[in-house]
Amino acid sequence: MLNLKNFARLSATAITITALSSLSASAQSVDLRGASLFDEEHAYTKTLRKLEELVGAGYDGEVSFELSLNGELGDESDFVTFLQQGVAIDYAIMAPSNMAVFAPSIPLMDMPFLFRDLEHWDTALASGVMAPLEAELLEKASIRVIGYAGGGVRNLASAEPIGNIEELTGHKMRVMGAPIQAQIFNALQAAPSAIAYNEVYNAIQTGVIAGFENEAASIQNLKFYEVAPHITLTKHAITVRPIVMAEKTFSKLPADLQTAILAAGKEAGAFGRALESSQDGEKMQEMIDAGQVQVQEFAGRQKLLEMVIPVQDAYAAELGASDLLEAIRSK
């Protein structure tokens, strides 16, 4: 028969074991894997480093980060597949268009000519107006948006000068994979095609395409100016680059780590937006000063804005997102 002294001793032992098990579980390190297409100097990589720093500061437990750089794990089409499946990587910064394969409405946030200027762009991203698109991405792709980076102004980069609507007509150019990208540039009478980002340099070099569109940092970082030295200031987009996390990873994390990640994502996004938007002009000027690019305005840019409105409206209507488009425009 179990006497009271033995019962008390066994109970105390059980409590001690339970406490030690809980302590061990809470002290267990969480390992998170990220990926960037770029090196340590790029704004997106610096934003992910800021995210890591903020998560570490906001979480009492142990968390470690492994960030693969320079496209070591593939391009963004690979990243989005890994994130959707919850394998290989847990967090990244993604172009919305590259997530369209799982969430068809998500490229609306990156639609050309959506934002009037940097102030409108920053206000919209900080306002929560993108919540319906975030919900679709989470539901259909199991990818969670935790913040918004971006801020580069996208322009045309081409092998030969493109300065007006006549020169843009028939221009063979690379666009991102979402249909709205091709629809917009088709409306502008160009000849867009979606090819993999890591094939752009060779495609221009071999004449498969005559140019593409991107922001200054990427043109400089990947030396696209070597094959596309003519920059036309169409200013057709201000990049929206969600900081995303695999939901299959996020859902398994301790609640306090989830809270830290959500807070860090919002703060890192604001950091990234300020960083990239400030760097954009600097990067362009560096290339100009080095004689790497020649820059010109696009004659009759206002005409471009008018030409794309019907395409934007039709695209939003097709997605059932007309109200969302108007909400973004009204910010």
C-alpha atoms as a PDB file:
ATOM      1  CA  MET A   1       0.000   0.000   0.000  1.00  0.00           C
ATOM      2  CA  LEU A   2       1.234   3.460  -0.887  1.00  0.00           C
ATOM      3  CA  ASN A   3       1.748   5.470   2.282  1.00  0.00           C
ATOM      4  CA  LEU A   4       1.395   9.247   2.455  1.00  0.00           C
ATOM      5  CA  LYS A   5       5.160   9.875   2.614  1.00  0.00           C
ATOM      6  CA  ASN A   6       5.811   7.811  -0.530  1.00  0.00           C
ATOM      7  CA  PHE A   7       2.863   9.460  -2.288  1.00  0.00           C
ATOM      8  CA  ALA A   8       4.190  12.902  -1.449  1.00  0.00           C
ATOM      9  CA  ARG A   9       7.684  11.936  -2.633  1.00  0.00           C
ATOM     10  CA  LEU A  10       6.376  10.537  -5.939  1.00  0.00           C
ATOM     11  CA  SER A  11       4.154  13.559  -6.488  1.00  0.00           C
ATOM     12  CA  ALA A  12       7.091  15.908  -5.931  1.00  0.00           C
ATOM     13  CA  THR A  13       9.180  13.876  -8.388  1.00  0.00           C
ATOM     14  CA  ALA A  14       6.409  14.013 -11.004  1.00  0.00           C
ATOM     15  CA  ILE A  15       6.054  17.777 -10.608  1.00  0.00           C
ATOM     16  CA  THR A  16       9.821  18.190 -10.987  1.00  0.00           C
ATOM     17  CA  ILE A  17       9.903  16.059 -14.151  1.00  0.00           C
ATOM     18  CA  THR A  18       6.965  17.995 -15.616  1.00  0.00           C
ATOM     19  CA  ALA A  19       8.636  21.313 -14.837  1.00  0.00           C
ATOM     20  CA  LEU A  20      11.925  20.194 -16.362  1.00  0.00           C
ATOM     21  CA  SER A  21      10.130  18.922 -19.471  1.00  0.00           C
ATOM     22  CA  SER A  22       8.319  22.240 -19.861  1.00  0.00           C
ATOM     23  CA  LEU A  23      11.563  24.150 -19.387  1.00  0.00           C
ATOM     24  CA  SER A  24      13.291  21.944 -21.949  1.00  0.00           C
ATOM     25  CA  ALA A  25      10.453  22.467 -24.452  1.00  0.00           C
ATOM     26  CA  SER A  26      10.447  26.236 -23.973  1.00  0.00           C
ATOM     27  CA  ALA A  27      14.230  26.374 -24.246  1.00  0.00           C
ATOM     28  CA  GLN A  28      14.293  24.317 -27.453  1.00  0.00           C
ATOM     29  CA  SER A  29      15.756  26.366 -30.280  1.00  0.00           C
ATOM     30  CA  VAL A  30      13.588  27.137 -33.292  1.00  0.00           C
ATOM     31  CA  ASP A  31      15.462  27.131 -36.592  1.00  0.00           C
ATOM     32  CA  LEU A  32      14.053  29.257 -39.417  1.00  0.00           C
ATOM     33  CA  ARG A  33      15.327  29.264 -43.007  1.00  0.00           C
ATOM     34  CA  GLY A  34      15.107  32.206 -45.375  1.00  0.00           C
ATOM     35  CA  ALA A  35      16.108  32.944 -48.957  1.00  0.00           C
ATOM     36  CA  SER A  36      17.082  36.002 -50.988  1.00  0.00           C
ATOM     37  CA  LEU A  37      17.936  36.390 -54.661  1.00  0.00           C
ATOM     38  CA  PHE A  38      20.538  38.989 -53.766  1.00  0.00           C
ATOM     39  CA  ASP A  39      23.699  39.629 -51.764  1.00  0.00           C
ATOM     40  CA  GLU A  40      24.040  41.233 -48.343  1.00  0.00           C
ATOM     41  CA  GLU A  41      24.018  44.760 -49.788  1.00  0.00           C
ATOM     42  CA  HIS A  42      20.607  44.563 -51.437  1.00  0.00           C
ATOM     43  CA  ALA A  43      17.673  46.218 -49.678  1.00  0.00           C
ATOM     44  CA  TYR A  44      15.648  42.973 -49.616  1.00  0.00           C
ATOM     45  CA  THR A  45      18.454  41.077 -47.886  1.00  0.00           C
ATOM     46  CA  LYS A  46      18.936  43.916 -45.404  1.00  0.00           C
ATOM     47  CA  THR A  47      15.205  43.873 -44.711  1.00  0.00           C
ATOM     48  CA  LEU A  48      15.293  40.145 -43.981  1.00  0.00           C
ATOM     49  CA  ARG A  49      18.266  40.696 -41.674  1.00  0.00           C
ATOM     50  CA  LYS A  50      16.262  43.379 -39.878  1.00  0.00           C
ATOM     51  CA  LEU A  51      13.382  40.913 -39.559  1.00  0.00           C
ATOM     52  CA  GLU A  52      15.702  38.352 -37.980  1.00  0.00           C
ATOM     53  CA  GLU A  53      17.099  40.948 -35.583  1.00  0.00           C
ATOM     54  CA  LEU A  54      13.643  42.125 -34.519  1.00  0.00           C
ATOM     55  CA  VAL A  55      12.305  38.608 -34.017  1.00  0.00           C
ATOM     56  CA  GLY A  56      15.321  37.728 -31.880  1.00  0.00           C
ATOM     57  CA  ALA A  57      14.835  40.852 -29.778  1.00  0.00           C
ATOM     58  CA  GLY A  58      11.103  40.322 -29.345  1.00  0.00           C
ATOM     59  CA  TYR A  59      11.141  36.624 -28.461  1.00  0.00           C
ATOM     60  CA  ASP A  60      12.319  35.293 -25.089  1.00  0.00           C
ATOM     61  CA  GLY A  61      13.133  31.828 -26.402  1.00  0.00           C
ATOM     62  CA  GLU A  62      15.953  30.679 -28.652  1.00  0.00           C
ATOM     63  CA  VAL A  63      15.506  31.203 -32.381  1.00  0.00           C
ATOM     64  CA  SER A  64      18.156  30.911 -35.079  1.00  0.00           C
ATOM     65  CA  PHE A  65      18.110  31.963 -38.728  1.00  0.00           C
ATOM     66  CA  GLU A  66      19.763  30.601 -41.836  1.00  0.00           C
ATOM     67  CA  LEU A  67      19.476  32.916 -44.851  1.00  0.00           C
ATOM     68  CA  SER A  68      20.543  31.620 -48.273  1.00  0.00           C
ATOM     69  CA  LEU A  69      21.684  34.421 -50.594  1.00  0.00           C
ATOM     70  CA  ASN A  70      22.291  35.088 -54.295  1.00  0.00           C
ATOM     71  CA  GLY A  71      19.537  32.775 -55.530  1.00  0.00           C
ATOM     72  CA  GLU A  72      21.288  29.739 -54.087  1.00  0.00           C
ATOM     73  CA  LEU A  73      17.941  27.972 -53.683  1.00  0.00           C
ATOM     74  CA  GLY A  74      16.541  29.024 -57.053  1.00  0.00           C
ATOM     75  CA  ASP A  75      14.435  31.951 -58.229  1.00  0.00           C
ATOM     76  CA  GLU A  76      11.159  33.271 -56.846  1.00  0.00           C
ATOM     77  CA  SER A  77       9.082  30.660 -58.660  1.00  0.00           C
ATOM     78  CA  ASP A  78      11.003  28.083 -56.625  1.00  0.00           C
ATOM     79  CA  PHE A  79      10.610  30.121 -53.434  1.00  0.00           C
ATOM     80  CA  VAL A  80       6.843  30.293 -53.716  1.00  0.00           C
ATOM     81  CA  THR A  81       6.608  26.529 -54.263  1.00  0.00           C
ATOM     82  CA  PHE A  82       8.801  25.871 -51.230  1.00  0.00           C
ATOM     83  CA  LEU A  83       6.743  28.255 -49.093  1.00  0.00           C
ATOM     84  CA  GLN A  84       3.438  26.759 -50.233  1.00  0.00           C
ATOM     85  CA  GLN A  85       4.669  23.257 -49.434  1.00  0.00           C
ATOM     86  CA  GLY A  86       6.399  24.281 -46.218  1.00  0.00           C
ATOM     87  CA  VAL A  87       9.787  22.884 -47.263  1.00  0.00           C
ATOM     88  CA  ALA A  88      13.329  24.250 -47.757  1.00  0.00           C
ATOM     89  CA  ILE A  89      12.542  27.845 -46.717  1.00  0.00           C
ATOM     90  CA  ASP A  90      10.305  29.474 -44.127  1.00  0.00           C
ATOM     91  CA  TYR A  91      10.471  33.186 -45.005  1.00  0.00           C
ATOM     92  CA  ALA A  92      11.333  35.411 -47.965  1.00  0.00           C
ATOM     93  CA  ILE A  93      10.469  38.630 -49.768  1.00  0.00           C
ATOM     94  CA  MET A  94       8.399  37.938 -52.860  1.00  0.00           C
ATOM     95  CA  ALA A  95       7.031  39.751 -55.892  1.00  0.00           C
ATOM     96  CA  PRO A  96       3.225  39.365 -55.793  1.00  0.00           C
ATOM     97  CA  SER A  97       3.146  38.353 -59.456  1.00  0.00           C
ATOM     98  CA  ASN A  98       5.222  35.286 -58.678  1.00  0.00           C
ATOM     99  CA  MET A  99       2.566  34.072 -56.231  1.00  0.00           C
ATOM    100  CA  ALA A 100      -0.266  34.337 -58.782  1.00  0.00           C
ATOM    101  CA  VAL A 101      -0.044  30.641 -59.590  1.00  0.00           C
ATOM    102  CA  PHE A 102      -1.656  29.939 -56.206  1.00  0.00           C
ATOM    103  CA  ALA A 103      -3.537  33.190 -55.492  1.00  0.00           C
ATOM    104  CA  PRO A 104      -4.735  34.785 -58.755  1.00  0.00           C
ATOM    105  CA  SER A 105      -5.810  38.076 -57.146  1.00  0.00           C
ATOM    106  CA  ILE A 106      -2.549  38.820 -55.340  1.00  0.00           C
ATOM    107  CA  PRO A 107      -0.858  40.631 -58.296  1.00  0.00           C
ATOM    108  CA  LEU A 108      -3.439  43.406 -57.968  1.00  0.00           C
ATOM    109  CA  MET A 109      -1.207  44.947 -55.284  1.00  0.00           C
ATOM    110  CA  ASP A 110       1.668  45.104 -57.765  1.00  0.00           C
ATOM    111  CA  MET A 111      -0.331  46.231 -60.790  1.00  0.00           C
ATOM    112  CA  PRO A 112       1.473  48.781 -62.988  1.00  0.00           C
ATOM    113  CA  PHE A 113       0.290  52.377 -62.570  1.00  0.00           C
ATOM    114  CA  LEU A 114      -1.647  51.480 -59.390  1.00  0.00           C
ATOM    115  CA  PHE A 115       0.016  54.110 -57.158  1.00  0.00           C
ATOM    116  CA  ARG A 116       0.151  57.819 -57.877  1.00  0.00           C
ATOM    117  CA  ASP A 117       3.414  58.414 -56.024  1.00  0.00           C
ATOM    118  CA  LEU A 118       5.517  57.240 -53.069  1.00  0.00           C
ATOM    119  CA  GLU A 119       3.247  58.879 -50.510  1.00  0.00           C
ATOM    120  CA  HIS A 120       0.169  57.122 -51.900  1.00  0.00           C
ATOM    121  CA  TRP A 121       2.070  53.824 -52.013  1.00  0.00           C
ATOM    122  CA  ASP A 122       3.279  54.041 -48.394  1.00  0.00           C
ATOM    123  CA  THR A 123      -0.118  55.154 -47.102  1.00  0.00           C
ATOM    124  CA  ALA A 124      -1.883  52.279 -48.835  1.00  0.00           C
ATOM    125  CA  LEU A 125       0.545  49.624 -47.563  1.00  0.00           C
ATOM    126  CA  ALA A 126       0.346  50.881 -43.974  1.00  0.00           C
ATOM    127  CA  SER A 127      -3.455  51.152 -44.016  1.00  0.00           C
ATOM    128  CA  GLY A 128      -4.431  47.473 -44.026  1.00  0.00           C
ATOM    129  CA  VAL A 129      -6.300  47.929 -47.320  1.00  0.00           C
ATOM    130  CA  MET A 130      -4.551  44.841 -48.747  1.00  0.00           C
ATOM    131  CA  ALA A 131      -6.159  42.515 -46.164  1.00  0.00           C
ATOM    132  CA  PRO A 132      -8.489  40.775 -48.675  1.00  0.00           C
ATOM    133  CA  LEU A 133      -5.509  39.835 -50.844  1.00  0.00           C
ATOM    134  CA  GLU A 134      -3.581  38.612 -47.815  1.00  0.00           C
ATOM    135  CA  ALA A 135      -6.545  36.416 -46.852  1.00  0.00           C
ATOM    136  CA  GLU A 136      -6.693  34.868 -50.318  1.00  0.00           C
ATOM    137  CA  LEU A 137      -2.975  34.108 -50.299  1.00  0.00           C
ATOM    138  CA  LEU A 138      -3.258  32.481 -46.886  1.00  0.00           C
ATOM    139  CA  GLU A 139      -6.294  30.413 -47.846  1.00  0.00           C
ATOM    140  CA  LYS A 140      -5.180  29.289 -51.297  1.00  0.00           C
ATOM    141  CA  ALA A 141      -1.426  29.113 -50.949  1.00  0.00           C
ATOM    142  CA  SER A 142      -0.779  28.659 -47.215  1.00  0.00           C
ATOM    143  CA  ILE A 143       1.522  31.676 -47.372  1.00  0.00           C
ATOM    144  CA  ARG A 144       1.187  34.393 -44.734  1.00  0.00           C
ATOM    145  CA  VAL A 145       2.037  38.054 -45.343  1.00  0.00           C
ATOM    146  CA  ILE A 146       3.775  39.461 -42.263  1.00  0.00           C
ATOM    147  CA  GLY A 147       4.882  42.837 -43.654  1.00  0.00           C
ATOM    148  CA  TYR A 148       5.464  44.931 -46.758  1.00  0.00           C
ATOM    149  CA  ALA A 149       8.834  45.935 -48.168  1.00  0.00           C
ATOM    150  CA  GLY A 150       9.590  47.357 -51.599  1.00  0.00           C
ATOM    151  CA  GLY A 151       9.799  50.936 -52.763  1.00  0.00           C
ATOM    152  CA  GLY A 152      11.846  50.753 -55.923  1.00  0.00           C
ATOM    153  CA  VAL A 153      10.410  52.698 -58.832  1.00  0.00           C
ATOM    154  CA  ARG A 154      10.217  50.439 -61.873  1.00  0.00           C
ATOM    155  CA  ASN A 155      11.217  51.718 -65.290  1.00  0.00           C
ATOM    156  CA  LEU A 156      11.991  50.268 -68.687  1.00  0.00           C
ATOM    157  CA  ALA A 157      15.525  49.004 -69.322  1.00  0.00           C
ATOM    158  CA  SER A 158      16.366  48.218 -72.922  1.00  0.00           C
ATOM    159  CA  ALA A 159      19.152  47.481 -75.381  1.00  0.00           C
ATOM    160  CA  GLU A 160      18.042  50.427 -77.536  1.00  0.00           C
ATOM    161  CA  PRO A 161      16.369  53.706 -76.480  1.00  0.00           C
ATOM    162  CA  ILE A 162      12.592  53.633 -75.896  1.00  0.00           C
ATOM    163  CA  GLY A 163      11.407  57.205 -75.462  1.00  0.00           C
ATOM    164  CA  ASN A 164       7.837  57.431 -76.730  1.00  0.00           C
ATOM    165  CA  ILE A 165       4.760  55.413 -77.634  1.00  0.00           C
ATOM    166  CA  GLU A 166       5.990  54.844 -81.195  1.00  0.00           C
ATOM    167  CA  GLU A 167       9.248  53.302 -79.975  1.00  0.00           C
ATOM    168  CA  LEU A 168       7.401  51.276 -77.332  1.00  0.00           C
ATOM    169  CA  THR A 169       5.081  49.789 -79.961  1.00  0.00           C
ATOM    170  CA  GLY A 170       6.147  46.217 -80.682  1.00  0.00           C
ATOM    171  CA  HIS A 171       8.977  46.380 -78.120  1.00  0.00           C
ATOM    172  CA  LYS A 172       9.835  42.797 -77.082  1.00  0.00           C
ATOM    173  CA  MET A 173      10.175  42.929 -73.306  1.00  0.00           C
ATOM    174  CA  ARG A 174      10.157  40.632 -70.327  1.00  0.00           C
ATOM    175  CA  VAL A 175       7.404  41.034 -67.730  1.00  0.00           C
ATOM    176  CA  MET A 176       6.653  39.144 -64.528  1.00  0.00           C
ATOM    177  CA  GLY A 177       4.453  36.079 -64.727  1.00  0.00           C
ATOM    178  CA  ALA A 178       1.051  37.391 -63.631  1.00  0.00           C
ATOM    179  CA  PRO A 179      -1.356  37.965 -66.557  1.00  0.00           C
ATOM    180  CA  ILE A 180      -2.063  41.563 -65.508  1.00  0.00           C
ATOM    181  CA  GLN A 181       1.563  42.478 -66.236  1.00  0.00           C
ATOM    182  CA  ALA A 182       1.280  41.330 -69.843  1.00  0.00           C
ATOM    183  CA  GLN A 183      -2.199  42.861 -70.187  1.00  0.00           C
ATOM    184  CA  ILE A 184      -0.967  46.285 -69.108  1.00  0.00           C
ATOM    185  CA  PHE A 185       1.971  46.332 -71.496  1.00  0.00           C
ATOM    186  CA  ASN A 186      -0.121  44.901 -74.319  1.00  0.00           C
ATOM    187  CA  ALA A 187      -2.463  47.857 -73.793  1.00  0.00           C
ATOM    188  CA  LEU A 188       0.576  50.105 -74.201  1.00  0.00           C
ATOM    189  CA  GLN A 189       1.275  48.366 -77.534  1.00  0.00           C
ATOM    190  CA  ALA A 190       4.471  46.645 -76.403  1.00  0.00           C
ATOM    191  CA  ALA A 191       5.122  42.926 -76.986  1.00  0.00           C
ATOM    192  CA  PRO A 192       5.513  41.475 -73.481  1.00  0.00           C
ATOM    193  CA  SER A 193       6.434  37.914 -72.582  1.00  0.00           C
ATOM    194  CA  ALA A 194       6.924  36.209 -69.238  1.00  0.00           C
ATOM    195  CA  ILE A 195      10.287  34.511 -68.906  1.00  0.00           C
ATOM    196  CA  ALA A 196      12.214  33.430 -65.823  1.00  0.00           C
ATOM    197  CA  TYR A 197      14.101  36.238 -64.103  1.00  0.00           C
ATOM    198  CA  ASN A 198      17.380  34.318 -64.181  1.00  0.00           C
ATOM    199  CA  GLU A 199      17.105  34.056 -67.980  1.00  0.00           C
ATOM    200  CA  VAL A 200      16.636  37.791 -68.640  1.00  0.00           C
ATOM    201  CA  TYR A 201      20.305  38.721 -69.081  1.00  0.00           C
ATOM    202  CA  ASN A 202      20.960  36.019 -71.687  1.00  0.00           C
ATOM    203  CA  ALA A 203      17.625  36.642 -73.397  1.00  0.00           C
ATOM    204  CA  ILE A 204      18.537  40.292 -74.004  1.00  0.00           C
ATOM    205  CA  GLN A 205      22.085  39.399 -74.960  1.00  0.00           C
ATOM    206  CA  THR A 206      20.892  36.911 -77.585  1.00  0.00           C
ATOM    207  CA  GLY A 207      18.060  39.097 -78.886  1.00  0.00           C
ATOM    208  CA  VAL A 208      15.185  36.917 -77.670  1.00  0.00           C
ATOM    209  CA  ILE A 209      13.876  40.083 -75.994  1.00  0.00           C
ATOM    210  CA  ALA A 210      14.981  43.693 -76.321  1.00  0.00           C
ATOM    211  CA  GLY A 211      14.483  44.753 -72.708  1.00  0.00           C
ATOM    212  CA  PHE A 212      12.588  44.371 -69.457  1.00  0.00           C
ATOM    213  CA  GLU A 213      11.358  46.479 -66.564  1.00  0.00           C
ATOM    214  CA  ASN A 214      12.779  46.744 -63.070  1.00  0.00           C
ATOM    215  CA  GLU A 215      14.001  49.046 -60.327  1.00  0.00           C
ATOM    216  CA  ALA A 216      17.480  50.559 -60.156  1.00  0.00           C
ATOM    217  CA  ALA A 217      18.868  48.330 -57.388  1.00  0.00           C
ATOM    218  CA  SER A 218      18.207  45.128 -59.302  1.00  0.00           C
ATOM    219  CA  ILE A 219      19.557  46.560 -62.565  1.00  0.00           C
ATOM    220  CA  GLN A 220      22.745  47.526 -60.742  1.00  0.00           C
ATOM    221  CA  ASN A 221      23.052  44.436 -58.552  1.00  0.00           C
ATOM    222  CA  LEU A 222      22.778  41.925 -61.397  1.00  0.00           C
ATOM    223  CA  LYS A 223      24.618  44.113 -63.933  1.00  0.00           C
ATOM    224  CA  PHE A 224      21.699  44.255 -66.349  1.00  0.00           C
ATOM    225  CA  TYR A 225      23.099  47.576 -67.556  1.00  0.00           C
ATOM    226  CA  GLU A 226      25.661  45.551 -69.522  1.00  0.00           C
ATOM    227  CA  VAL A 227      22.940  44.374 -71.917  1.00  0.00           C
ATOM    228  CA  ALA A 228      20.218  46.987 -71.303  1.00  0.00           C
ATOM    229  CA  PRO A 229      21.918  50.361 -70.722  1.00  0.00           C
ATOM    230  CA  HIS A 230      18.980  52.540 -71.777  1.00  0.00           C
ATOM    231  CA  ILE A 231      16.627  53.466 -68.922  1.00  0.00           C
ATOM    232  CA  THR A 232      13.291  55.100 -69.729  1.00  0.00           C
ATOM    233  CA  LEU A 233      11.555  56.774 -66.787  1.00  0.00           C
ATOM    234  CA  THR A 234       8.073  55.371 -67.255  1.00  0.00           C
ATOM    235  CA  LYS A 235       7.753  55.126 -63.442  1.00  0.00           C
ATOM    236  CA  HIS A 236       5.003  52.605 -64.075  1.00  0.00           C
ATOM    237  CA  ALA A 237       5.199  50.904 -60.714  1.00  0.00           C
ATOM    238  CA  ILE A 238       6.403  51.335 -57.160  1.00  0.00           C
ATOM    239  CA  THR A 239       7.292  47.879 -55.995  1.00  0.00           C
ATOM    240  CA  VAL A 240       5.220  46.101 -53.374  1.00  0.00           C
ATOM    241  CA  ARG A 241       7.207  43.239 -51.927  1.00  0.00           C
ATOM    242  CA  PRO A 242       5.417  41.273 -49.217  1.00  0.00           C
ATOM    243  CA  ILE A 243       7.526  39.706 -46.509  1.00  0.00           C
ATOM    244  CA  VAL A 244       6.019  36.245 -46.366  1.00  0.00           C
ATOM    245  CA  MET A 245       6.199  33.133 -44.260  1.00  0.00           C
ATOM    246  CA  ALA A 246       5.149  29.547 -44.860  1.00  0.00           C
ATOM    247  CA  GLU A 247       1.941  29.025 -42.922  1.00  0.00           C
ATOM    248  CA  LYS A 248       2.901  25.393 -42.328  1.00  0.00           C
ATOM    249  CA  THR A 249       5.879  26.736 -40.390  1.00  0.00           C
ATOM    250  CA  PHE A 250       4.120  29.652 -38.724  1.00  0.00           C
ATOM    251  CA  SER A 251       1.210  27.555 -37.421  1.00  0.00           C
ATOM    252  CA  LYS A 252       3.586  25.221 -35.555  1.00  0.00           C
ATOM    253  CA  LEU A 253       5.478  27.965 -33.747  1.00  0.00           C
ATOM    254  CA  PRO A 254       4.873  28.912 -30.090  1.00  0.00           C
ATOM    255  CA  ALA A 255       2.239  31.629 -29.707  1.00  0.00           C
ATOM    256  CA  ASP A 256       4.731  34.126 -28.291  1.00  0.00           C
ATOM    257  CA  LEU A 257       7.062  33.563 -31.248  1.00  0.00           C
ATOM    258  CA  GLN A 258       4.153  34.075 -33.650  1.00  0.00           C
ATOM    259  CA  THR A 259       3.399  37.371 -31.931  1.00  0.00           C
ATOM    260  CA  ALA A 260       7.042  38.421 -32.183  1.00  0.00           C
ATOM    261  CA  ILE A 261       7.168  37.533 -35.883  1.00  0.00           C
ATOM    262  CA  LEU A 262       4.024  39.513 -36.734  1.00  0.00           C
ATOM    263  CA  ALA A 263       5.314  42.578 -34.885  1.00  0.00           C
ATOM    264  CA  ALA A 264       8.769  42.212 -36.437  1.00  0.00           C
ATOM    265  CA  GLY A 265       7.297  41.761 -39.926  1.00  0.00           C
ATOM    266  CA  LYS A 266       5.402  45.029 -39.731  1.00  0.00           C
ATOM    267  CA  GLU A 267       8.428  46.934 -38.406  1.00  0.00           C
ATOM    268  CA  ALA A 268      10.880  45.296 -40.831  1.00  0.00           C
ATOM    269  CA  GLY A 269       8.540  46.139 -43.700  1.00  0.00           C
ATOM    270  CA  ALA A 270       8.530  49.824 -42.755  1.00  0.00           C
ATOM    271  CA  PHE A 271      12.330  49.671 -42.490  1.00  0.00           C
ATOM    272  CA  GLY A 272      12.580  48.044 -45.918  1.00  0.00           C
ATOM    273  CA  ARG A 273      10.252  50.536 -47.581  1.00  0.00           C
ATOM    274  CA  ALA A 274      12.186  53.492 -46.221  1.00  0.00           C
ATOM    275  CA  LEU A 275      15.503  51.890 -47.176  1.00  0.00           C
ATOM    276  CA  GLU A 276      14.635  50.956 -50.739  1.00  0.00           C
ATOM    277  CA  SER A 277      12.761  54.136 -51.582  1.00  0.00           C
ATOM    278  CA  SER A 278      15.728  56.211 -50.374  1.00  0.00           C
ATOM    279  CA  GLN A 279      18.260  54.025 -52.176  1.00  0.00           C
ATOM    280  CA  ASP A 280      16.421  53.972 -55.482  1.00  0.00           C
ATOM    281  CA  GLY A 281      17.549  57.392 -56.695  1.00  0.00           C
ATOM    282  CA  GLU A 282      21.031  56.840 -55.297  1.00  0.00           C
ATOM    283  CA  LYS A 283      21.469  53.585 -57.222  1.00  0.00           C
ATOM    284  CA  MET A 284      20.292  55.177 -60.445  1.00  0.00           C
ATOM    285  CA  GLN A 285      22.687  58.117 -59.982  1.00  0.00           C
ATOM    286  CA  GLU A 286      25.584  55.756 -59.280  1.00  0.00           C
ATOM    287  CA  MET A 287      24.987  53.999 -62.615  1.00  0.00           C
ATOM    288  CA  ILE A 288      24.659  57.327 -64.428  1.00  0.00           C
ATOM    289  CA  ASP A 289      27.893  58.632 -62.875  1.00  0.00           C
ATOM    290  CA  ALA A 290      29.691  55.414 -63.818  1.00  0.00           C
ATOM    291  CA  GLY A 291      28.539  55.755 -67.419  1.00  0.00           C
ATOM    292  CA  GLN A 292      26.690  52.460 -67.191  1.00  0.00           C
ATOM    293  CA  VAL A 293      23.253  53.741 -68.182  1.00  0.00           C
ATOM    294  CA  GLN A 294      21.683  56.512 -70.211  1.00  0.00           C
ATOM    295  CA  VAL A 295      18.409  57.837 -68.790  1.00  0.00           C
ATOM    296  CA  GLN A 296      15.565  59.622 -70.540  1.00  0.00           C
ATOM    297  CA  GLU A 297      11.994  60.630 -69.771  1.00  0.00           C
ATOM    298  CA  PHE A 298       9.079  59.008 -71.580  1.00  0.00           C
ATOM    299  CA  ALA A 299       7.427  61.564 -73.828  1.00  0.00           C
ATOM    300  CA  GLY A 300       3.665  61.655 -73.243  1.00  0.00           C
ATOM    301  CA  ARG A 301       3.636  59.598 -70.040  1.00  0.00           C
ATOM    302  CA  GLN A 302       0.169  60.942 -69.125  1.00  0.00           C
ATOM    303  CA  LYS A 303      -1.158  59.103 -72.154  1.00  0.00           C
ATOM    304  CA  LEU A 304       0.109  55.824 -70.672  1.00  0.00           C
ATOM    305  CA  LEU A 305      -1.870  56.453 -67.479  1.00  0.00           C
ATOM    306  CA  GLU A 306      -5.037  56.935 -69.481  1.00  0.00           C
ATOM    307  CA  MET A 307      -4.468  53.871 -71.680  1.00  0.00           C
ATOM    308  CA  VAL A 308      -4.211  51.453 -68.747  1.00  0.00           C
ATOM    309  CA  ILE A 309      -7.303  52.483 -66.755  1.00  0.00           C
ATOM    310  CA  PRO A 310      -9.736  50.240 -68.702  1.00  0.00           C
ATOM    311  CA  VAL A 311      -7.364  47.292 -68.290  1.00  0.00           C
ATOM    312  CA  GLN A 312      -7.049  47.887 -64.556  1.00  0.00           C
ATOM    313  CA  ASP A 313     -10.817  48.189 -64.149  1.00  0.00           C
ATOM    314  CA  ALA A 314     -11.530  45.042 -66.171  1.00  0.00           C
ATOM    315  CA  TYR A 315      -8.914  43.058 -64.257  1.00  0.00           C
ATOM    316  CA  ALA A 316     -10.314  44.105 -60.891  1.00  0.00           C
ATOM    317  CA  ALA A 317     -13.866  43.309 -62.026  1.00  0.00           C
ATOM    318  CA  GLU A 318     -12.781  39.858 -63.192  1.00  0.00           C
ATOM    319  CA  LEU A 319     -11.358  39.189 -59.740  1.00  0.00           C
ATOM    320  CA  GLY A 320     -14.396  40.614 -57.956  1.00  0.00           C
ATOM    321  CA  ALA A 321     -12.044  43.244 -56.554  1.00  0.00           C
ATOM    322  CA  SER A 322     -13.469  46.469 -57.987  1.00  0.00           C
ATOM    323  CA  ASP A 323     -14.194  47.803 -54.509  1.00  0.00           C
ATOM    324  CA  LEU A 324     -10.638  46.974 -53.431  1.00  0.00           C
ATOM    325  CA  LEU A 325      -9.195  48.797 -56.432  1.00  0.00           C
ATOM    326  CA  GLU A 326     -11.269  51.857 -55.634  1.00  0.00           C
ATOM    327  CA  ALA A 327     -10.230  51.632 -51.975  1.00  0.00           C
ATOM    328  CA  ILE A 328      -6.553  51.650 -52.982  1.00  0.00           C
ATOM    329  CA  ARG A 329      -7.057  54.519 -55.405  1.00  0.00           C
ATOM    330  CA  SER A 330      -8.833  56.528 -52.703  1.00  0.00           C
ATOM    331  CA  LYS A 331      -5.998  56.326 -50.160  1.00  0.00           C
END
